[in-house]
Amino acid sequence: MYLVAIGWLYVVLMMAVAEATHSQGSVLGAVITFVLYGVLPLSVVLYIMGTPMRRRRRQQQDADDTHRG
């Protein structure tokens, strides 16, 4: 899962570099490209894909608390 995320960030970073170095591009456009195409969607996808792990961790913690108390 993280390998795909790293690959996607690399692609978006290259898009942002191309935007910043193009004669009609700008650094602000590069930052917006990186945030809107990379960071924001990737954070949503990683949050959604991490939900089962968080749920299992919470259930395990509840089970441990029940056995101790």
Protein backbone atom coordinates (compact mmCIF):
# COMPACT_ATOMS: atom_id res chain seq x y z
CA MET A 1 0.00 0.00 0.00
CA TYR A 2 2.74 2.44 0.90
CA LEU A 3 4.75 1.64 -2.21
CA VAL A 4 1.87 2.82 -4.39
CA ALA A 5 1.53 5.96 -2.27
CA ILE A 6 5.23 6.74 -2.63
CA GLY A 7 5.02 6.15 -6.38
CA TRP A 8 2.02 8.44 -6.70
CA LEU A 9 3.75 11.19 -4.72
CA TYR A 10 6.76 10.86 -7.02
CA VAL A 11 4.58 11.27 -10.10
CA VAL A 12 2.81 14.29 -8.62
CA LEU A 13 6.13 15.79 -7.58
CA MET A 14 7.38 15.49 -11.15
CA MET A 15 4.16 17.14 -12.37
CA ALA A 16 4.74 20.00 -9.92
CA VAL A 17 8.37 20.39 -11.03
CA ALA A 18 7.24 20.51 -14.65
CA GLU A 19 4.67 23.15 -13.73
CA ALA A 20 7.22 25.26 -11.87
CA THR A 21 9.89 25.12 -14.57
CA HIS A 22 7.62 25.66 -17.56
CA SER A 23 7.83 29.11 -19.16
CA GLN A 24 4.14 29.77 -18.50
CA GLY A 25 4.06 27.95 -15.15
CA SER A 26 4.52 29.27 -11.65
CA VAL A 27 5.65 28.07 -8.26
CA LEU A 28 2.19 28.73 -6.86
CA GLY A 29 0.72 26.51 -9.57
CA ALA A 30 3.24 23.82 -8.68
CA VAL A 31 2.28 23.96 -5.00
CA ILE A 32 -1.42 23.82 -5.84
CA THR A 33 -0.78 20.90 -8.20
CA PHE A 34 1.15 19.02 -5.52
CA VAL A 35 -1.50 19.59 -2.85
CA LEU A 36 -4.62 19.01 -4.95
CA TYR A 37 -3.32 16.06 -7.00
CA GLY A 38 -1.04 14.50 -4.42
CA VAL A 39 -1.35 15.24 -0.74
CA LEU A 40 -5.10 15.72 -0.40
CA PRO A 41 -6.33 12.67 -2.35
CA LEU A 42 -3.58 10.45 -0.97
CA SER A 43 -4.41 11.37 2.62
CA VAL A 44 -8.07 10.48 2.04
CA VAL A 45 -7.19 7.15 0.41
CA LEU A 46 -4.71 6.19 3.14
CA TYR A 47 -7.23 7.12 5.84
CA ILE A 48 -9.92 4.96 4.24
CA MET A 49 -7.57 2.03 3.65
CA GLY A 50 -6.32 2.22 7.25
CA THR A 51 -9.82 1.92 8.73
CA PRO A 52 -9.79 -1.89 9.15
CA MET A 53 -6.44 -1.73 10.95
CA ARG A 54 -7.69 0.99 13.32
CA ARG A 55 -10.87 -1.00 13.96
CA ARG A 56 -8.90 -4.17 14.79
CA ARG A 57 -6.59 -2.22 17.09
CA ARG A 58 -9.55 -0.66 18.92
CA GLN A 59 -11.29 -4.04 19.32
CA GLN A 60 -8.08 -5.61 20.61
CA GLN A 61 -7.63 -2.78 23.09
CA ASP A 62 -11.25 -3.15 24.26
CA ALA A 63 -10.75 -6.90 24.68
CA ASP A 64 -7.57 -6.34 26.69
CA ASP A 65 -9.32 -3.80 28.90
CA THR A 66 -12.21 -6.22 29.49
CA HIS A 67 -9.87 -9.05 30.55
CA ARG A 68 -7.93 -6.80 32.93
CA GLY A 69 -10.89 -5.08 34.53
